[in-house]
Amino acid sequence: MSRIGKKVITVPKGVTVTVGERELEVKGPKGTLRTPVPEGISFKLDGDQLQAERTSDELAASHGLARALANNAIVGVTEGFSKQMDVVGVGYKADVQARKIVFSLGYSHPIEFPLPEGIDVKSERVPAKNSIPQYQLTLTLTGIDKQRLGQVAAELHGLRKPDPYKGKGVRYADVQLKLRPGKTGK
């Protein structure tokens, strides 16, 4: 039984949803997204109500997945999504240039990270984050596709994962790190 799949999605004004056999097309003020529809799941549009239906009870997981993907597409074209990444470490920096980010993360060379289409970034130094030792700056990633935004954030995180002792690296702003104690020094 999928409780998420049974929820009705309210389509806001200014958003048009085209129901196809294998995909949904969602158009809104921020852009257009296409969402795949799993086998055995269908969508029904009644006015401004979008309902996901399944053919059998064995498809409960796909039912909830299809509904969540459709809801994410609707939220993406109306409001968009954002994710924040912190760059922490002495000498670490990130420079946003046109459609790429140039990182200096303690390696012998700078790292150029090209931004995919649909993802925008801005860098800023947030004064409230001075409680983080060696804090440098915050990168705010924005986009309408939640999956692509999460993938870009994961790739940025993988460039220099946070050190377990000092927390240096590229890390998610909303994740609290528990640092390990160093040697006791006896």
N, C-alpha and C. Protein backbone atom coordinates (compact mmCIF):
# COMPACT_ATOMS: atom_id res chain seq x y z
N MET A 1 0.85 -1.18 0.00
CA MET A 1 0.00 0.00 0.00
C MET A 1 0.88 1.24 0.00
N SER A 2 0.76 2.08 -0.98
CA SER A 2 1.56 3.28 -1.08
C SER A 2 0.72 4.49 -0.67
N ARG A 3 1.07 5.07 0.46
CA ARG A 3 0.33 6.25 0.90
C ARG A 3 0.73 7.47 0.08
N ILE A 4 1.99 7.53 -0.31
CA ILE A 4 2.45 8.67 -1.11
C ILE A 4 1.81 8.62 -2.49
N GLY A 5 1.72 7.45 -3.08
CA GLY A 5 1.14 7.33 -4.41
C GLY A 5 -0.33 7.72 -4.47
N LYS A 6 -1.05 7.57 -3.37
CA LYS A 6 -2.47 7.90 -3.35
C LYS A 6 -2.73 9.40 -3.19
N LYS A 7 -1.72 10.18 -2.78
CA LYS A 7 -1.92 11.62 -2.60
C LYS A 7 -2.17 12.29 -3.95
N VAL A 8 -3.09 13.23 -3.94
CA VAL A 8 -3.41 13.99 -5.15
C VAL A 8 -2.46 15.17 -5.24
N ILE A 9 -1.96 15.44 -6.45
CA ILE A 9 -1.08 16.58 -6.68
C ILE A 9 -1.92 17.73 -7.22
N THR A 10 -1.83 18.88 -6.56
CA THR A 10 -2.54 20.07 -7.04
C THR A 10 -1.63 20.81 -8.01
N VAL A 11 -2.12 21.00 -9.22
CA VAL A 11 -1.34 21.70 -10.25
C VAL A 11 -1.63 23.19 -10.12
N PRO A 12 -0.60 24.02 -9.83
CA PRO A 12 -0.84 25.45 -9.67
C PRO A 12 -1.16 26.14 -11.00
N LYS A 13 -1.70 27.36 -10.89
CA LYS A 13 -2.01 28.13 -12.09
C LYS A 13 -0.71 28.49 -12.81
N GLY A 14 -0.75 28.46 -14.13
CA GLY A 14 0.43 28.78 -14.92
C GLY A 14 1.27 27.55 -15.26
N VAL A 15 0.86 26.39 -14.78
CA VAL A 15 1.57 25.13 -15.06
C VAL A 15 0.67 24.25 -15.90
N THR A 16 1.21 23.74 -17.01
CA THR A 16 0.44 22.81 -17.84
C THR A 16 1.12 21.44 -17.79
N VAL A 17 0.31 20.42 -17.59
CA VAL A 17 0.80 19.04 -17.52
C VAL A 17 0.22 18.28 -18.69
N THR A 18 1.09 17.69 -19.50
CA THR A 18 0.67 16.85 -20.62
C THR A 18 0.95 15.40 -20.25
N VAL A 19 -0.10 14.60 -20.16
CA VAL A 19 0.03 13.20 -19.77
C VAL A 19 0.23 12.36 -21.01
N GLY A 20 1.38 11.69 -21.08
CA GLY A 20 1.66 10.76 -22.17
C GLY A 20 1.64 9.34 -21.63
N GLU A 21 1.85 8.38 -22.52
CA GLU A 21 1.82 6.98 -22.10
C GLU A 21 3.05 6.62 -21.28
N ARG A 22 4.23 7.12 -21.68
CA ARG A 22 5.48 6.75 -21.01
C ARG A 22 6.14 7.92 -20.27
N GLU A 23 5.58 9.16 -20.39
CA GLU A 23 6.18 10.29 -19.69
C GLU A 23 5.17 11.41 -19.47
N LEU A 24 5.50 12.25 -18.49
CA LEU A 24 4.74 13.46 -18.22
C LEU A 24 5.58 14.65 -18.69
N GLU A 25 4.94 15.61 -19.30
CA GLU A 25 5.62 16.84 -19.67
C GLU A 25 5.00 17.97 -18.85
N VAL A 26 5.85 18.66 -18.08
CA VAL A 26 5.38 19.71 -17.20
C VAL A 26 6.01 21.02 -17.66
N LYS A 27 5.16 22.01 -18.00
CA LYS A 27 5.63 23.33 -18.41
C LYS A 27 5.19 24.35 -17.39
N GLY A 28 6.11 25.22 -17.02
CA GLY A 28 5.80 26.25 -16.04
C GLY A 28 6.59 27.51 -16.29
N PRO A 29 6.52 28.46 -15.38
CA PRO A 29 7.21 29.73 -15.58
C PRO A 29 8.74 29.61 -15.62
N LYS A 30 9.31 28.61 -15.00
CA LYS A 30 10.77 28.46 -14.97
C LYS A 30 11.33 27.55 -16.06
N GLY A 31 10.46 26.82 -16.76
CA GLY A 31 10.96 25.95 -17.81
C GLY A 31 10.07 24.73 -18.03
N THR A 32 10.63 23.75 -18.72
CA THR A 32 9.91 22.52 -19.07
C THR A 32 10.70 21.32 -18.58
N LEU A 33 10.01 20.36 -17.97
CA LEU A 33 10.63 19.11 -17.52
C LEU A 33 9.83 17.92 -18.05
N ARG A 34 10.54 16.86 -18.37
CA ARG A 34 9.92 15.60 -18.76
C ARG A 34 10.24 14.56 -17.69
N THR A 35 9.20 13.86 -17.25
CA THR A 35 9.36 12.86 -16.19
C THR A 35 8.91 11.50 -16.71
N PRO A 36 9.74 10.46 -16.58
CA PRO A 36 9.31 9.13 -17.04
C PRO A 36 8.22 8.55 -16.13
N VAL A 37 7.36 7.76 -16.74
CA VAL A 37 6.30 7.08 -15.99
C VAL A 37 6.62 5.59 -16.01
N PRO A 38 6.77 4.94 -14.83
CA PRO A 38 7.09 3.50 -14.81
C PRO A 38 5.98 2.65 -15.40
N GLU A 39 6.35 1.45 -15.80
CA GLU A 39 5.40 0.48 -16.38
C GLU A 39 4.31 0.16 -15.36
N GLY A 40 3.07 0.16 -15.78
CA GLY A 40 1.96 -0.19 -14.91
C GLY A 40 1.38 0.98 -14.13
N ILE A 41 1.94 2.17 -14.30
CA ILE A 41 1.45 3.37 -13.61
C ILE A 41 0.88 4.31 -14.66
N SER A 42 -0.25 4.91 -14.34
CA SER A 42 -0.85 5.89 -15.25
C SER A 42 -1.27 7.12 -14.45
N PHE A 43 -1.36 8.25 -15.13
CA PHE A 43 -1.77 9.50 -14.50
C PHE A 43 -3.09 9.96 -15.10
N LYS A 44 -3.93 10.56 -14.24
CA LYS A 44 -5.20 11.10 -14.68
C LYS A 44 -5.25 12.56 -14.23
N LEU A 45 -5.59 13.46 -15.16
CA LEU A 45 -5.66 14.89 -14.88
C LEU A 45 -7.11 15.33 -14.89
N ASP A 46 -7.62 15.81 -13.73
CA ASP A 46 -8.98 16.34 -13.62
C ASP A 46 -8.89 17.79 -13.19
N GLY A 47 -8.99 18.70 -14.15
CA GLY A 47 -8.89 20.13 -13.83
C GLY A 47 -7.49 20.47 -13.35
N ASP A 48 -7.38 20.80 -12.06
CA ASP A 48 -6.06 21.10 -11.49
C ASP A 48 -5.60 20.00 -10.53
N GLN A 49 -6.18 18.81 -10.63
CA GLN A 49 -5.82 17.68 -9.78
C GLN A 49 -5.17 16.59 -10.62
N LEU A 50 -3.96 16.17 -10.24
CA LEU A 50 -3.24 15.10 -10.94
C LEU A 50 -3.18 13.89 -10.02
N GLN A 51 -3.64 12.75 -10.48
CA GLN A 51 -3.72 11.54 -9.67
C GLN A 51 -2.94 10.41 -10.34
N ALA A 52 -2.10 9.72 -9.56
CA ALA A 52 -1.36 8.56 -10.07
C ALA A 52 -2.16 7.29 -9.72
N GLU A 53 -2.26 6.38 -10.69
CA GLU A 53 -2.99 5.13 -10.47
C GLU A 53 -2.12 3.96 -10.91
N ARG A 54 -2.29 2.81 -10.25
CA ARG A 54 -1.51 1.62 -10.61
C ARG A 54 -2.44 0.49 -11.01
N THR A 55 -1.89 -0.45 -11.78
CA THR A 55 -2.72 -1.55 -12.28
C THR A 55 -2.82 -2.69 -11.27
N SER A 56 -1.78 -2.89 -10.42
CA SER A 56 -1.85 -3.97 -9.43
C SER A 56 -1.16 -3.53 -8.14
N ASP A 57 -1.40 -4.27 -7.06
CA ASP A 57 -0.80 -3.93 -5.77
C ASP A 57 0.69 -4.24 -5.70
N GLU A 58 1.20 -4.99 -6.65
CA GLU A 58 2.63 -5.30 -6.65
C GLU A 58 3.48 -4.10 -7.08
N LEU A 59 2.84 -3.06 -7.59
CA LEU A 59 3.55 -1.88 -8.08
C LEU A 59 3.49 -0.72 -7.08
N ALA A 60 3.36 -1.03 -5.79
CA ALA A 60 3.22 0.03 -4.78
C ALA A 60 4.44 0.94 -4.73
N ALA A 61 5.64 0.36 -4.83
CA ALA A 61 6.85 1.19 -4.76
C ALA A 61 6.96 2.10 -5.98
N SER A 62 6.64 1.58 -7.16
CA SER A 62 6.67 2.39 -8.37
C SER A 62 5.58 3.46 -8.36
N HIS A 63 4.48 3.14 -7.69
CA HIS A 63 3.37 4.09 -7.58
C HIS A 63 3.83 5.33 -6.82
N GLY A 64 4.45 5.13 -5.67
CA GLY A 64 4.96 6.25 -4.88
C GLY A 64 6.07 6.99 -5.59
N LEU A 65 6.95 6.26 -6.28
CA LEU A 65 8.04 6.88 -7.03
C LEU A 65 7.51 7.78 -8.14
N ALA A 66 6.56 7.28 -8.92
CA ALA A 66 6.01 8.06 -10.03
C ALA A 66 5.34 9.33 -9.53
N ARG A 67 4.60 9.22 -8.44
CA ARG A 67 3.94 10.40 -7.88
C ARG A 67 4.96 11.41 -7.38
N ALA A 68 6.03 10.94 -6.71
CA ALA A 68 7.07 11.84 -6.20
C ALA A 68 7.81 12.53 -7.34
N LEU A 69 8.11 11.81 -8.43
CA LEU A 69 8.78 12.41 -9.58
C LEU A 69 7.90 13.49 -10.23
N ALA A 70 6.61 13.21 -10.35
CA ALA A 70 5.69 14.19 -10.93
C ALA A 70 5.59 15.42 -10.04
N ASN A 71 5.51 15.23 -8.73
CA ASN A 71 5.44 16.35 -7.80
C ASN A 71 6.72 17.19 -7.85
N ASN A 72 7.88 16.53 -7.92
CA ASN A 72 9.15 17.25 -8.01
C ASN A 72 9.23 18.07 -9.29
N ALA A 73 8.68 17.55 -10.38
CA ALA A 73 8.68 18.30 -11.64
C ALA A 73 7.81 19.54 -11.52
N ILE A 74 6.66 19.42 -10.88
CA ILE A 74 5.75 20.56 -10.73
C ILE A 74 6.36 21.60 -9.81
N VAL A 75 6.95 21.17 -8.70
CA VAL A 75 7.61 22.12 -7.80
C VAL A 75 8.80 22.77 -8.48
N GLY A 76 9.53 22.02 -9.29
CA GLY A 76 10.71 22.54 -9.97
C GLY A 76 10.38 23.64 -10.96
N VAL A 77 9.32 23.48 -11.76
CA VAL A 77 8.99 24.49 -12.76
C VAL A 77 8.30 25.71 -12.15
N THR A 78 7.81 25.60 -10.91
CA THR A 78 7.18 26.76 -10.28
C THR A 78 8.15 27.49 -9.34
N GLU A 79 8.78 26.75 -8.43
CA GLU A 79 9.64 27.37 -7.42
C GLU A 79 11.12 27.12 -7.68
N GLY A 80 11.47 25.95 -8.18
CA GLY A 80 12.87 25.57 -8.36
C GLY A 80 13.43 24.98 -7.08
N PHE A 81 14.64 24.45 -7.16
CA PHE A 81 15.31 23.84 -6.02
C PHE A 81 16.65 24.50 -5.81
N SER A 82 17.16 24.43 -4.59
CA SER A 82 18.49 24.97 -4.32
C SER A 82 19.20 24.08 -3.31
N LYS A 83 20.51 24.09 -3.37
CA LYS A 83 21.35 23.32 -2.46
C LYS A 83 22.58 24.15 -2.17
N GLN A 84 23.02 24.14 -0.91
CA GLN A 84 24.18 24.93 -0.52
C GLN A 84 25.35 24.02 -0.16
N MET A 85 26.54 24.42 -0.63
CA MET A 85 27.78 23.69 -0.36
C MET A 85 28.76 24.67 0.29
N ASP A 86 29.43 24.24 1.35
CA ASP A 86 30.44 25.06 2.03
C ASP A 86 31.82 24.62 1.60
N VAL A 87 32.69 25.57 1.31
CA VAL A 87 34.11 25.31 1.04
C VAL A 87 34.85 25.71 2.31
N VAL A 88 35.50 24.72 2.96
CA VAL A 88 36.14 24.93 4.25
C VAL A 88 37.59 24.47 4.16
N GLY A 89 38.51 25.32 4.59
CA GLY A 89 39.93 24.97 4.63
C GLY A 89 40.81 26.16 4.33
N VAL A 90 41.95 26.23 4.99
CA VAL A 90 42.89 27.32 4.76
C VAL A 90 43.43 27.21 3.34
N GLY A 91 43.32 28.27 2.56
CA GLY A 91 43.80 28.28 1.19
C GLY A 91 42.84 27.69 0.18
N TYR A 92 41.73 27.11 0.62
CA TYR A 92 40.75 26.57 -0.31
C TYR A 92 39.90 27.72 -0.83
N LYS A 93 39.60 27.69 -2.13
CA LYS A 93 38.73 28.72 -2.68
C LYS A 93 38.04 28.20 -3.92
N ALA A 94 36.97 28.91 -4.28
CA ALA A 94 36.21 28.59 -5.48
C ALA A 94 35.89 29.90 -6.18
N ASP A 95 36.11 29.94 -7.49
CA ASP A 95 35.87 31.14 -8.28
C ASP A 95 34.87 30.79 -9.37
N VAL A 96 33.73 31.47 -9.38
CA VAL A 96 32.69 31.21 -10.37
C VAL A 96 32.98 32.05 -11.61
N GLN A 97 33.13 31.38 -12.75
CA GLN A 97 33.41 32.06 -14.02
C GLN A 97 32.43 31.53 -15.07
N ALA A 98 31.61 32.41 -15.62
CA ALA A 98 30.65 32.09 -16.68
C ALA A 98 29.93 30.76 -16.38
N ARG A 99 30.25 29.69 -17.07
CA ARG A 99 29.58 28.40 -16.89
C ARG A 99 30.50 27.36 -16.25
N LYS A 100 31.44 27.80 -15.41
CA LYS A 100 32.31 26.84 -14.72
C LYS A 100 32.72 27.40 -13.37
N ILE A 101 33.18 26.50 -12.51
CA ILE A 101 33.71 26.86 -11.20
C ILE A 101 35.16 26.39 -11.18
N VAL A 102 36.07 27.27 -10.79
CA VAL A 102 37.48 26.92 -10.68
C VAL A 102 37.81 26.80 -9.19
N PHE A 103 38.21 25.59 -8.77
CA PHE A 103 38.50 25.31 -7.38
C PHE A 103 40.00 25.28 -7.13
N SER A 104 40.40 25.72 -5.96
CA SER A 104 41.74 25.52 -5.44
C SER A 104 41.55 24.78 -4.12
N LEU A 105 41.81 23.47 -4.14
CA LEU A 105 41.48 22.62 -2.99
C LEU A 105 42.69 21.91 -2.39
N GLY A 106 43.85 22.50 -2.49
CA GLY A 106 45.03 21.90 -1.89
C GLY A 106 45.76 20.92 -2.78
N TYR A 107 45.29 20.71 -4.00
CA TYR A 107 45.99 19.86 -4.94
C TYR A 107 47.05 20.70 -5.64
N SER A 108 47.90 20.08 -6.45
CA SER A 108 48.97 20.78 -7.15
C SER A 108 48.44 21.58 -8.35
N HIS A 109 47.16 21.43 -8.66
CA HIS A 109 46.59 22.09 -9.82
C HIS A 109 45.18 22.58 -9.49
N PRO A 110 44.72 23.61 -10.19
CA PRO A 110 43.32 24.04 -10.00
C PRO A 110 42.38 23.05 -10.69
N ILE A 111 41.18 22.93 -10.17
CA ILE A 111 40.18 22.02 -10.73
C ILE A 111 39.09 22.87 -11.38
N GLU A 112 38.85 22.65 -12.67
CA GLU A 112 37.79 23.34 -13.37
C GLU A 112 36.58 22.41 -13.45
N PHE A 113 35.45 22.88 -12.92
CA PHE A 113 34.21 22.09 -12.91
C PHE A 113 33.19 22.78 -13.81
N PRO A 114 32.90 22.21 -15.00
CA PRO A 114 31.91 22.82 -15.89
C PRO A 114 30.49 22.58 -15.35
N LEU A 115 29.66 23.60 -15.40
CA LEU A 115 28.28 23.48 -14.93
C LEU A 115 27.39 22.95 -16.06
N PRO A 116 26.56 21.94 -15.78
CA PRO A 116 25.64 21.46 -16.82
C PRO A 116 24.52 22.47 -17.08
N GLU A 117 23.84 22.32 -18.20
CA GLU A 117 22.73 23.20 -18.54
C GLU A 117 21.64 23.08 -17.47
N GLY A 118 21.05 24.21 -17.13
CA GLY A 118 19.96 24.21 -16.17
C GLY A 118 20.39 24.38 -14.72
N ILE A 119 21.69 24.40 -14.45
CA ILE A 119 22.19 24.59 -13.09
C ILE A 119 22.94 25.91 -13.04
N ASP A 120 22.57 26.75 -12.09
CA ASP A 120 23.24 28.03 -11.87
C ASP A 120 23.88 28.02 -10.50
N VAL A 121 24.92 28.83 -10.32
CA VAL A 121 25.64 28.86 -9.06
C VAL A 121 26.02 30.29 -8.73
N LYS A 122 26.00 30.60 -7.44
CA LYS A 122 26.55 31.88 -6.98
C LYS A 122 27.33 31.61 -5.70
N SER A 123 28.39 32.37 -5.52
CA SER A 123 29.22 32.18 -4.32
C SER A 123 29.08 33.40 -3.44
N GLU A 124 29.11 33.16 -2.13
CA GLU A 124 29.01 34.24 -1.15
C GLU A 124 29.65 33.81 0.15
N ARG A 125 30.09 34.78 0.89
CA ARG A 125 30.66 34.51 2.21
C ARG A 125 29.58 34.87 3.23
N VAL A 126 29.10 33.87 3.94
CA VAL A 126 28.01 34.07 4.90
C VAL A 126 28.60 34.36 6.27
N PRO A 127 28.32 35.53 6.85
CA PRO A 127 28.93 35.88 8.14
C PRO A 127 28.50 34.95 9.29
N ALA A 128 27.31 34.36 9.20
CA ALA A 128 26.81 33.50 10.29
C ALA A 128 27.58 32.19 10.38
N LYS A 129 28.36 31.84 9.36
CA LYS A 129 29.07 30.56 9.35
C LYS A 129 30.47 30.67 9.95
N ASN A 130 30.78 31.78 10.60
CA ASN A 130 32.11 31.93 11.18
C ASN A 130 32.35 30.99 12.36
N SER A 131 31.28 30.30 12.80
CA SER A 131 31.46 29.30 13.85
C SER A 131 32.19 28.07 13.31
N ILE A 132 32.22 27.89 11.98
CA ILE A 132 32.96 26.79 11.37
C ILE A 132 34.41 27.22 11.25
N PRO A 133 35.34 26.50 11.86
CA PRO A 133 36.75 26.88 11.72
C PRO A 133 37.21 26.75 10.27
N GLN A 134 38.00 27.70 9.80
CA GLN A 134 38.58 27.73 8.46
C GLN A 134 37.52 27.85 7.35
N TYR A 135 36.34 28.41 7.67
CA TYR A 135 35.28 28.60 6.68
C TYR A 135 35.74 29.59 5.62
N GLN A 136 35.50 29.27 4.34
CA GLN A 136 35.89 30.15 3.25
C GLN A 136 34.69 30.80 2.57
N LEU A 137 33.80 29.98 1.97
CA LEU A 137 32.64 30.53 1.29
C LEU A 137 31.57 29.47 1.10
N THR A 138 30.38 29.92 0.67
CA THR A 138 29.25 29.04 0.41
C THR A 138 28.86 29.15 -1.06
N LEU A 139 28.70 28.01 -1.71
CA LEU A 139 28.21 27.96 -3.08
C LEU A 139 26.73 27.58 -3.03
N THR A 140 25.88 28.38 -3.67
CA THR A 140 24.45 28.09 -3.73
C THR A 140 24.11 27.64 -5.14
N LEU A 141 23.74 26.37 -5.27
CA LEU A 141 23.36 25.79 -6.56
C LEU A 141 21.85 25.88 -6.70
N THR A 142 21.36 26.31 -7.87
CA THR A 142 19.93 26.39 -8.12
C THR A 142 19.61 25.76 -9.46
N GLY A 143 18.40 25.20 -9.56
CA GLY A 143 17.96 24.59 -10.81
C GLY A 143 16.53 24.09 -10.66
N ILE A 144 15.94 23.66 -11.79
CA ILE A 144 14.56 23.18 -11.74
C ILE A 144 14.49 21.66 -11.65
N ASP A 145 15.56 20.96 -12.01
CA ASP A 145 15.57 19.50 -11.98
C ASP A 145 16.25 19.03 -10.70
N LYS A 146 15.47 18.44 -9.80
CA LYS A 146 15.99 18.04 -8.49
C LYS A 146 17.06 16.96 -8.60
N GLN A 147 16.89 16.01 -9.52
CA GLN A 147 17.86 14.93 -9.68
C GLN A 147 19.19 15.46 -10.18
N ARG A 148 19.18 16.33 -11.18
CA ARG A 148 20.41 16.88 -11.74
C ARG A 148 21.12 17.76 -10.71
N LEU A 149 20.35 18.53 -9.94
CA LEU A 149 20.94 19.38 -8.91
C LEU A 149 21.64 18.54 -7.84
N GLY A 150 21.02 17.45 -7.42
CA GLY A 150 21.63 16.56 -6.44
C GLY A 150 22.88 15.89 -6.98
N GLN A 151 22.87 15.54 -8.27
CA GLN A 151 24.04 14.91 -8.89
C GLN A 151 25.21 15.87 -8.96
N VAL A 152 24.96 17.13 -9.32
CA VAL A 152 26.03 18.14 -9.37
C VAL A 152 26.59 18.38 -7.98
N ALA A 153 25.71 18.46 -6.97
CA ALA A 153 26.17 18.65 -5.59
C ALA A 153 27.03 17.47 -5.13
N ALA A 154 26.66 16.26 -5.51
CA ALA A 154 27.44 15.08 -5.13
C ALA A 154 28.81 15.08 -5.82
N GLU A 155 28.85 15.54 -7.07
CA GLU A 155 30.14 15.61 -7.78
C GLU A 155 31.04 16.68 -7.16
N LEU A 156 30.47 17.81 -6.75
CA LEU A 156 31.27 18.84 -6.07
C LEU A 156 31.80 18.31 -4.73
N HIS A 157 30.95 17.58 -4.01
CA HIS A 157 31.35 17.00 -2.73
C HIS A 157 32.50 16.01 -2.92
N GLY A 158 32.48 15.29 -4.04
CA GLY A 158 33.51 14.30 -4.32
C GLY A 158 34.85 14.88 -4.72
N LEU A 159 34.91 16.17 -5.07
CA LEU A 159 36.18 16.78 -5.44
C LEU A 159 37.16 16.78 -4.27
N ARG A 160 36.68 17.07 -3.07
CA ARG A 160 37.50 17.02 -1.86
C ARG A 160 36.53 16.77 -0.70
N LYS A 161 36.39 15.49 -0.35
CA LYS A 161 35.48 15.14 0.74
C LYS A 161 36.00 15.70 2.06
N PRO A 162 35.10 16.04 2.99
CA PRO A 162 35.54 16.64 4.25
C PRO A 162 36.48 15.72 5.04
N ASP A 163 37.53 16.32 5.56
CA ASP A 163 38.49 15.62 6.40
C ASP A 163 37.82 15.27 7.73
N PRO A 164 37.97 14.05 8.25
CA PRO A 164 37.27 13.68 9.49
C PRO A 164 37.82 14.37 10.74
N TYR A 165 39.02 14.96 10.68
CA TYR A 165 39.62 15.56 11.86
C TYR A 165 39.41 17.08 11.93
N LYS A 166 39.54 17.77 10.81
CA LYS A 166 39.37 19.23 10.81
C LYS A 166 38.13 19.68 10.04
N GLY A 167 37.55 18.81 9.23
CA GLY A 167 36.36 19.15 8.46
C GLY A 167 36.67 19.93 7.19
N LYS A 168 37.93 19.94 6.74
CA LYS A 168 38.31 20.68 5.54
C LYS A 168 37.81 19.95 4.30
N GLY A 169 37.31 20.72 3.33
CA GLY A 169 36.85 20.15 2.08
C GLY A 169 35.60 20.83 1.59
N VAL A 170 34.95 20.23 0.61
CA VAL A 170 33.68 20.73 0.08
C VAL A 170 32.59 19.90 0.73
N ARG A 171 31.73 20.56 1.51
CA ARG A 171 30.72 19.81 2.26
C ARG A 171 29.34 20.43 2.13
N TYR A 172 28.33 19.61 2.37
CA TYR A 172 26.95 20.08 2.32
C TYR A 172 26.71 21.01 3.50
N ALA A 173 26.04 22.14 3.25
CA ALA A 173 25.83 23.14 4.29
C ALA A 173 24.84 22.66 5.35
N ASP A 174 23.91 21.80 4.97
CA ASP A 174 22.88 21.36 5.91
C ASP A 174 23.25 20.09 6.67
N VAL A 175 24.45 19.57 6.47
CA VAL A 175 24.89 18.35 7.16
C VAL A 175 25.87 18.74 8.27
N GLN A 176 25.55 18.36 9.48
CA GLN A 176 26.42 18.63 10.63
C GLN A 176 27.49 17.54 10.71
N LEU A 177 28.75 17.95 10.67
CA LEU A 177 29.84 16.97 10.75
C LEU A 177 30.23 16.73 12.20
N LYS A 178 30.46 15.48 12.53
CA LYS A 178 30.97 15.13 13.84
C LYS A 178 32.45 14.83 13.65
N LEU A 179 33.30 15.72 14.15
CA LEU A 179 34.74 15.58 13.94
C LEU A 179 35.35 14.60 14.93
N ARG A 180 36.33 13.84 14.47
CA ARG A 180 37.03 12.90 15.34
C ARG A 180 38.07 13.64 16.16
N PRO A 181 38.31 13.17 17.36
CA PRO A 181 39.39 13.79 18.14
C PRO A 181 40.75 13.38 17.59
N GLY A 182 41.73 14.27 17.68
CA GLY A 182 43.08 13.95 17.22
C GLY A 182 43.84 13.17 18.28
N LYS A 183 45.15 13.08 18.12
CA LYS A 183 45.96 12.40 19.12
C LYS A 183 45.97 13.21 20.41
N THR A 184 46.09 12.52 21.53
CA THR A 184 46.04 13.20 22.81
C THR A 184 47.32 13.93 23.13
N GLY A 185 48.44 13.55 22.56
CA GLY A 185 49.70 14.28 22.72
C GLY A 185 50.40 14.03 24.06
N LYS A 186 50.47 12.80 24.54
CA LYS A 186 51.14 12.50 25.80
C LYS A 186 52.61 12.39 25.63
